[in-house]
Amino acid sequence: MTSKVTKDLICSIFNAGQVLREKARVEGNLIDCSFLHLHTLHYVAENGATNMKAIANFLHITPPSATSIINYLVKRGFIVRVGDEIDRRAIKLRLTKAGGKLLKNSFAQMMGIVKNNINKLSEPEKKIFLSILNKISK
């Protein structure tokens, strides 16, 4: 059975995420890009030409879900599909200049928003929070 504290923590985690996303949308003017879209752009930027399977694995989602995310980014001109020169059946995904610009601007804005919220914590609270996040992430 789940304790009340555990239930409250789960709700608080989702609420905190929702607040950060809403602040990013309102303050950041992010052209309707979610954190997931920006995370995907960041992955493509860091890894160069990549494929759908790699993105799905990175995001821990199914390939059809990754396709939906990529279609959104392609439609907005942030990613392009490029045929592989060696394997004609394979499609590589690359970041466009517009995608790079969006990523750079959005990342800086989001970092500022997250930083402002984290700065609401005292230094000891930040250390505890970091310790908890590291423990959960393992």
N, C-alpha and C. Protein backbone atom coordinates (compact mmCIF):
# COMPACT_ATOMS: atom_id res chain seq x y z
N MET A 1 0.84 -1.18 0.00
CA MET A 1 0.00 0.00 0.00
C MET A 1 0.89 1.25 0.00
N THR A 2 0.48 2.24 -0.75
CA THR A 2 1.24 3.48 -0.87
C THR A 2 0.90 4.41 0.29
N SER A 3 1.94 4.94 0.94
CA SER A 3 1.71 5.84 2.07
C SER A 3 1.24 7.20 1.58
N LYS A 4 0.66 7.97 2.50
CA LYS A 4 0.20 9.31 2.17
C LYS A 4 1.38 10.19 1.74
N VAL A 5 2.51 10.04 2.41
CA VAL A 5 3.69 10.84 2.06
C VAL A 5 4.14 10.53 0.63
N THR A 6 4.14 9.24 0.27
CA THR A 6 4.53 8.85 -1.09
C THR A 6 3.56 9.44 -2.11
N LYS A 7 2.27 9.36 -1.83
CA LYS A 7 1.26 9.93 -2.73
C LYS A 7 1.45 11.45 -2.86
N ASP A 8 1.71 12.11 -1.73
CA ASP A 8 1.93 13.56 -1.76
C ASP A 8 3.18 13.91 -2.57
N LEU A 9 4.25 13.11 -2.43
CA LEU A 9 5.47 13.34 -3.20
C LEU A 9 5.21 13.20 -4.70
N ILE A 10 4.48 12.16 -5.07
CA ILE A 10 4.17 11.94 -6.48
C ILE A 10 3.39 13.13 -7.04
N CYS A 11 2.38 13.56 -6.32
CA CYS A 11 1.59 14.72 -6.77
C CYS A 11 2.45 15.98 -6.85
N SER A 12 3.33 16.17 -5.88
CA SER A 12 4.20 17.36 -5.87
C SER A 12 5.18 17.35 -7.03
N ILE A 13 5.70 16.17 -7.37
CA ILE A 13 6.62 16.07 -8.51
C ILE A 13 5.91 16.47 -9.79
N PHE A 14 4.70 15.93 -10.00
CA PHE A 14 3.95 16.27 -11.21
C PHE A 14 3.57 17.75 -11.22
N ASN A 15 3.17 18.27 -10.06
CA ASN A 15 2.80 19.68 -9.99
C ASN A 15 3.99 20.59 -10.28
N ALA A 16 5.15 20.25 -9.72
CA ALA A 16 6.35 21.06 -9.97
C ALA A 16 6.70 21.06 -11.45
N GLY A 17 6.62 19.90 -12.08
CA GLY A 17 6.88 19.81 -13.51
C GLY A 17 5.91 20.65 -14.31
N GLN A 18 4.64 20.60 -13.92
CA GLN A 18 3.62 21.37 -14.62
C GLN A 18 3.87 22.87 -14.46
N VAL A 19 4.24 23.30 -13.27
CA VAL A 19 4.53 24.72 -13.02
C VAL A 19 5.71 25.18 -13.87
N LEU A 20 6.78 24.37 -13.91
CA LEU A 20 7.96 24.74 -14.71
C LEU A 20 7.62 24.81 -16.20
N ARG A 21 6.85 23.84 -16.68
CA ARG A 21 6.45 23.86 -18.10
C ARG A 21 5.60 25.08 -18.42
N GLU A 22 4.68 25.42 -17.52
CA GLU A 22 3.81 26.57 -17.75
C GLU A 22 4.62 27.87 -17.74
N LYS A 23 5.55 27.99 -16.79
CA LYS A 23 6.39 29.18 -16.75
C LYS A 23 7.24 29.28 -18.02
N ALA A 24 7.74 28.16 -18.47
CA ALA A 24 8.55 28.16 -19.70
C ALA A 24 7.71 28.60 -20.88
N ARG A 25 6.46 28.13 -20.92
CA ARG A 25 5.59 28.48 -22.04
C ARG A 25 5.25 29.97 -22.00
N VAL A 26 4.91 30.49 -20.82
CA VAL A 26 4.50 31.88 -20.68
C VAL A 26 5.69 32.84 -20.80
N GLU A 27 6.76 32.56 -20.05
CA GLU A 27 7.91 33.46 -20.01
C GLU A 27 8.85 33.27 -21.19
N GLY A 28 8.92 32.04 -21.68
CA GLY A 28 9.93 31.73 -22.67
C GLY A 28 9.51 31.92 -24.11
N ASN A 29 8.20 32.00 -24.38
CA ASN A 29 7.74 32.14 -25.76
C ASN A 29 8.41 31.08 -26.64
N LEU A 30 8.18 29.81 -26.32
CA LEU A 30 8.92 28.72 -26.93
C LEU A 30 8.25 28.10 -28.16
N ILE A 31 7.42 28.82 -28.83
CA ILE A 31 6.81 28.37 -30.09
C ILE A 31 6.19 26.98 -29.95
N ASP A 32 5.46 26.75 -28.88
CA ASP A 32 4.75 25.48 -28.67
C ASP A 32 5.67 24.26 -28.66
N CYS A 33 6.89 24.41 -28.27
CA CYS A 33 7.79 23.27 -28.12
C CYS A 33 7.81 22.84 -26.67
N SER A 34 7.59 21.56 -26.45
CA SER A 34 7.63 21.03 -25.10
C SER A 34 9.06 20.73 -24.69
N PHE A 35 9.24 20.38 -23.42
CA PHE A 35 10.55 19.95 -22.95
C PHE A 35 11.00 18.73 -23.75
N LEU A 36 10.07 17.86 -24.07
CA LEU A 36 10.40 16.65 -24.83
C LEU A 36 10.92 17.00 -26.23
N HIS A 37 10.30 17.97 -26.87
CA HIS A 37 10.77 18.41 -28.19
C HIS A 37 12.18 18.99 -28.08
N LEU A 38 12.39 19.83 -27.08
CA LEU A 38 13.71 20.44 -26.90
C LEU A 38 14.76 19.41 -26.51
N HIS A 39 14.35 18.44 -25.70
CA HIS A 39 15.26 17.36 -25.32
C HIS A 39 15.68 16.56 -26.56
N THR A 40 14.73 16.35 -27.45
CA THR A 40 15.01 15.64 -28.70
C THR A 40 15.96 16.46 -29.57
N LEU A 41 15.69 17.75 -29.71
CA LEU A 41 16.59 18.62 -30.48
C LEU A 41 18.00 18.60 -29.90
N HIS A 42 18.08 18.63 -28.59
CA HIS A 42 19.39 18.59 -27.93
C HIS A 42 20.12 17.29 -28.25
N TYR A 43 19.40 16.18 -28.23
CA TYR A 43 20.01 14.88 -28.54
C TYR A 43 20.55 14.87 -29.97
N VAL A 44 19.76 15.36 -30.91
CA VAL A 44 20.19 15.39 -32.31
C VAL A 44 21.39 16.33 -32.47
N ALA A 45 21.36 17.45 -31.78
CA ALA A 45 22.49 18.40 -31.86
C ALA A 45 23.77 17.77 -31.30
N GLU A 46 23.65 17.05 -30.22
CA GLU A 46 24.83 16.44 -29.58
C GLU A 46 25.36 15.24 -30.35
N ASN A 47 24.48 14.51 -31.04
CA ASN A 47 24.88 13.26 -31.68
C ASN A 47 25.01 13.34 -33.18
N GLY A 48 24.78 14.50 -33.75
CA GLY A 48 24.87 14.63 -35.20
C GLY A 48 23.76 13.85 -35.88
N ALA A 49 24.00 13.43 -37.10
CA ALA A 49 22.99 12.67 -37.84
C ALA A 49 22.68 11.39 -37.07
N THR A 50 21.44 11.21 -36.73
CA THR A 50 21.01 10.05 -35.95
C THR A 50 19.77 9.45 -36.57
N ASN A 51 19.30 8.36 -36.01
CA ASN A 51 18.10 7.72 -36.57
C ASN A 51 16.98 7.66 -35.54
N MET A 52 15.81 7.26 -36.00
CA MET A 52 14.62 7.23 -35.17
C MET A 52 14.77 6.27 -33.99
N LYS A 53 15.38 5.12 -34.23
CA LYS A 53 15.54 4.12 -33.17
C LYS A 53 16.40 4.68 -32.04
N ALA A 54 17.47 5.38 -32.38
CA ALA A 54 18.35 5.96 -31.35
C ALA A 54 17.59 7.00 -30.52
N ILE A 55 16.76 7.78 -31.17
CA ILE A 55 15.98 8.79 -30.45
C ILE A 55 14.96 8.11 -29.54
N ALA A 56 14.28 7.09 -30.04
CA ALA A 56 13.32 6.35 -29.22
C ALA A 56 14.01 5.75 -27.99
N ASN A 57 15.17 5.16 -28.20
CA ASN A 57 15.92 4.58 -27.07
C ASN A 57 16.33 5.66 -26.07
N PHE A 58 16.81 6.77 -26.58
CA PHE A 58 17.25 7.87 -25.71
C PHE A 58 16.09 8.40 -24.86
N LEU A 59 14.92 8.55 -25.47
CA LEU A 59 13.76 9.10 -24.77
C LEU A 59 12.99 8.04 -23.98
N HIS A 60 13.37 6.77 -24.15
CA HIS A 60 12.67 5.65 -23.49
C HIS A 60 11.20 5.60 -23.90
N ILE A 61 10.97 5.72 -25.21
CA ILE A 61 9.62 5.65 -25.75
C ILE A 61 9.62 4.70 -26.94
N THR A 62 8.44 4.39 -27.45
CA THR A 62 8.33 3.50 -28.60
C THR A 62 8.71 4.24 -29.88
N PRO A 63 9.16 3.51 -30.90
CA PRO A 63 9.47 4.17 -32.18
C PRO A 63 8.29 4.96 -32.77
N PRO A 64 7.03 4.46 -32.69
CA PRO A 64 5.93 5.29 -33.22
C PRO A 64 5.79 6.62 -32.47
N SER A 65 6.03 6.61 -31.17
CA SER A 65 5.98 7.87 -30.40
C SER A 65 7.11 8.80 -30.83
N ALA A 66 8.28 8.24 -31.07
CA ALA A 66 9.41 9.05 -31.54
C ALA A 66 9.09 9.64 -32.91
N THR A 67 8.45 8.86 -33.76
CA THR A 67 8.06 9.35 -35.09
C THR A 67 7.14 10.55 -34.98
N SER A 68 6.21 10.51 -34.05
CA SER A 68 5.29 11.62 -33.84
C SER A 68 6.04 12.89 -33.43
N ILE A 69 7.00 12.74 -32.54
CA ILE A 69 7.80 13.88 -32.08
C ILE A 69 8.62 14.44 -33.24
N ILE A 70 9.26 13.56 -33.99
CA ILE A 70 10.09 13.99 -35.12
C ILE A 70 9.25 14.65 -36.19
N ASN A 71 8.07 14.09 -36.48
CA ASN A 71 7.19 14.70 -37.48
C ASN A 71 6.86 16.15 -37.10
N TYR A 72 6.60 16.37 -35.82
CA TYR A 72 6.30 17.72 -35.33
C TYR A 72 7.49 18.65 -35.58
N LEU A 73 8.69 18.17 -35.27
CA LEU A 73 9.89 19.00 -35.43
C LEU A 73 10.25 19.22 -36.90
N VAL A 74 10.00 18.23 -37.74
CA VAL A 74 10.25 18.37 -39.18
C VAL A 74 9.27 19.38 -39.77
N LYS A 75 8.01 19.27 -39.39
CA LYS A 75 6.97 20.16 -39.91
C LYS A 75 7.29 21.63 -39.60
N ARG A 76 7.91 21.87 -38.47
CA ARG A 76 8.26 23.23 -38.07
C ARG A 76 9.64 23.66 -38.55
N GLY A 77 10.33 22.77 -39.25
CA GLY A 77 11.61 23.12 -39.85
C GLY A 77 12.80 23.07 -38.91
N PHE A 78 12.67 22.35 -37.79
CA PHE A 78 13.76 22.27 -36.82
C PHE A 78 14.67 21.06 -37.05
N ILE A 79 14.15 20.07 -37.75
CA ILE A 79 14.91 18.86 -38.08
C ILE A 79 14.60 18.51 -39.53
N VAL A 80 15.57 17.94 -40.23
CA VAL A 80 15.34 17.44 -41.59
C VAL A 80 15.67 15.96 -41.63
N ARG A 81 14.95 15.27 -42.50
CA ARG A 81 15.24 13.86 -42.77
C ARG A 81 16.16 13.82 -43.99
N VAL A 82 17.25 13.06 -43.86
CA VAL A 82 18.24 12.96 -44.93
C VAL A 82 18.49 11.49 -45.21
N GLY A 83 18.48 11.12 -46.48
CA GLY A 83 18.77 9.73 -46.85
C GLY A 83 20.22 9.38 -46.56
N ASP A 84 20.44 8.17 -46.10
CA ASP A 84 21.79 7.68 -45.83
C ASP A 84 22.46 7.35 -47.15
N GLU A 85 23.69 7.80 -47.34
CA GLU A 85 24.40 7.56 -48.60
C GLU A 85 24.78 6.10 -48.79
N ILE A 86 25.02 5.40 -47.71
CA ILE A 86 25.43 3.99 -47.79
C ILE A 86 24.22 3.06 -47.87
N ASP A 87 23.26 3.26 -46.98
CA ASP A 87 22.06 2.42 -46.94
C ASP A 87 20.87 3.28 -47.33
N ARG A 88 20.40 3.11 -48.55
CA ARG A 88 19.32 3.97 -49.07
C ARG A 88 18.02 3.82 -48.29
N ARG A 89 17.86 2.69 -47.59
CA ARG A 89 16.64 2.49 -46.81
C ARG A 89 16.65 3.30 -45.53
N ALA A 90 17.81 3.64 -45.05
CA ALA A 90 17.95 4.34 -43.77
C ALA A 90 17.75 5.84 -43.94
N ILE A 91 17.14 6.42 -42.92
CA ILE A 91 16.92 7.86 -42.89
C ILE A 91 17.64 8.41 -41.66
N LYS A 92 18.43 9.44 -41.88
CA LYS A 92 19.12 10.12 -40.78
C LYS A 92 18.39 11.42 -40.48
N LEU A 93 18.47 11.85 -39.25
CA LEU A 93 17.84 13.08 -38.81
C LEU A 93 18.93 14.08 -38.45
N ARG A 94 18.77 15.29 -38.95
CA ARG A 94 19.76 16.34 -38.68
C ARG A 94 19.04 17.61 -38.22
N LEU A 95 19.73 18.35 -37.38
CA LEU A 95 19.24 19.62 -36.90
C LEU A 95 19.41 20.68 -37.99
N THR A 96 18.41 21.53 -38.17
CA THR A 96 18.53 22.64 -39.12
C THR A 96 19.08 23.86 -38.37
N LYS A 97 19.40 24.91 -39.12
CA LYS A 97 19.85 26.16 -38.49
C LYS A 97 18.75 26.70 -37.57
N ALA A 98 17.50 26.62 -38.04
CA ALA A 98 16.38 27.09 -37.22
C ALA A 98 16.26 26.27 -35.94
N GLY A 99 16.49 24.96 -36.04
CA GLY A 99 16.45 24.10 -34.87
C GLY A 99 17.56 24.43 -33.89
N GLY A 100 18.74 24.70 -34.41
CA GLY A 100 19.86 25.09 -33.56
C GLY A 100 19.61 26.40 -32.85
N LYS A 101 19.03 27.34 -33.58
CA LYS A 101 18.72 28.65 -33.00
C LYS A 101 17.66 28.51 -31.90
N LEU A 102 16.60 27.74 -32.20
CA LEU A 102 15.55 27.52 -31.20
C LEU A 102 16.14 26.85 -29.96
N LEU A 103 16.96 25.84 -30.18
CA LEU A 103 17.55 25.11 -29.07
C LEU A 103 18.40 26.04 -28.20
N LYS A 104 19.23 26.84 -28.83
CA LYS A 104 20.10 27.76 -28.09
C LYS A 104 19.29 28.75 -27.27
N ASN A 105 18.32 29.39 -27.90
CA ASN A 105 17.50 30.39 -27.21
C ASN A 105 16.63 29.77 -26.12
N SER A 106 16.00 28.66 -26.45
CA SER A 106 15.09 28.01 -25.51
C SER A 106 15.83 27.44 -24.32
N PHE A 107 16.99 26.84 -24.57
CA PHE A 107 17.76 26.24 -23.49
C PHE A 107 18.17 27.31 -22.48
N ALA A 108 18.62 28.45 -22.98
CA ALA A 108 19.02 29.54 -22.09
C ALA A 108 17.82 30.04 -21.28
N GLN A 109 16.67 30.18 -21.93
CA GLN A 109 15.47 30.64 -21.24
C GLN A 109 15.04 29.64 -20.17
N MET A 110 15.02 28.36 -20.54
CA MET A 110 14.59 27.34 -19.58
C MET A 110 15.55 27.23 -18.41
N MET A 111 16.84 27.33 -18.69
CA MET A 111 17.81 27.28 -17.60
C MET A 111 17.57 28.44 -16.63
N GLY A 112 17.25 29.60 -17.16
CA GLY A 112 16.95 30.75 -16.31
C GLY A 112 15.72 30.52 -15.45
N ILE A 113 14.68 29.96 -16.05
CA ILE A 113 13.44 29.69 -15.32
C ILE A 113 13.68 28.66 -14.22
N VAL A 114 14.37 27.58 -14.55
CA VAL A 114 14.65 26.54 -13.56
C VAL A 114 15.55 27.11 -12.46
N LYS A 115 16.56 27.89 -12.86
CA LYS A 115 17.48 28.48 -11.88
C LYS A 115 16.72 29.39 -10.91
N ASN A 116 15.81 30.20 -11.42
CA ASN A 116 15.02 31.08 -10.56
C ASN A 116 14.21 30.29 -9.54
N ASN A 117 13.68 29.15 -9.98
CA ASN A 117 12.90 28.33 -9.06
C ASN A 117 13.79 27.59 -8.06
N ILE A 118 14.93 27.12 -8.50
CA ILE A 118 15.85 26.43 -7.59
C ILE A 118 16.41 27.41 -6.57
N ASN A 119 16.58 28.66 -6.96
CA ASN A 119 17.11 29.66 -6.04
C ASN A 119 16.13 30.00 -4.91
N LYS A 120 14.91 29.48 -4.98
CA LYS A 120 13.97 29.64 -3.87
C LYS A 120 14.39 28.77 -2.69
N LEU A 121 15.27 27.79 -2.96
CA LEU A 121 15.76 26.89 -1.92
C LEU A 121 17.01 27.47 -1.27
N SER A 122 17.19 27.14 0.00
CA SER A 122 18.43 27.51 0.68
C SER A 122 19.54 26.59 0.19
N GLU A 123 20.79 26.95 0.47
CA GLU A 123 21.92 26.10 0.05
C GLU A 123 21.81 24.69 0.63
N PRO A 124 21.49 24.53 1.92
CA PRO A 124 21.33 23.16 2.44
C PRO A 124 20.19 22.40 1.74
N GLU A 125 19.10 23.09 1.43
CA GLU A 125 17.99 22.44 0.72
C GLU A 125 18.41 22.02 -0.68
N LYS A 126 19.21 22.85 -1.34
CA LYS A 126 19.71 22.50 -2.68
C LYS A 126 20.55 21.24 -2.63
N LYS A 127 21.41 21.12 -1.61
CA LYS A 127 22.26 19.93 -1.48
C LYS A 127 21.42 18.69 -1.24
N ILE A 128 20.40 18.81 -0.39
CA ILE A 128 19.50 17.68 -0.13
C ILE A 128 18.74 17.31 -1.39
N PHE A 129 18.23 18.32 -2.09
CA PHE A 129 17.47 18.09 -3.32
C PHE A 129 18.34 17.39 -4.36
N LEU A 130 19.58 17.84 -4.52
CA LEU A 130 20.51 17.22 -5.45
C LEU A 130 20.77 15.77 -5.07
N SER A 131 20.97 15.53 -3.80
CA SER A 131 21.21 14.17 -3.32
C SER A 131 20.01 13.26 -3.63
N ILE A 132 18.82 13.78 -3.40
CA ILE A 132 17.60 13.01 -3.67
C ILE A 132 17.47 12.73 -5.17
N LEU A 133 17.67 13.75 -6.00
CA LEU A 133 17.57 13.55 -7.46
C LEU A 133 18.60 12.54 -7.95
N ASN A 134 19.82 12.62 -7.43
CA ASN A 134 20.85 11.65 -7.82
C ASN A 134 20.46 10.24 -7.42
N LYS A 135 19.88 10.09 -6.25
CA LYS A 135 19.46 8.76 -5.77
C LYS A 135 18.33 8.21 -6.64
N ILE A 136 17.38 9.05 -6.97
CA ILE A 136 16.24 8.63 -7.80
C ILE A 136 16.71 8.28 -9.21
N SER A 137 17.69 9.00 -9.71
CA SER A 137 18.15 8.81 -11.09
C SER A 137 18.94 7.53 -11.30
N LYS A 138 19.39 6.91 -10.25
CA LYS A 138 20.21 5.69 -10.38
C LYS A 138 19.38 4.45 -10.46
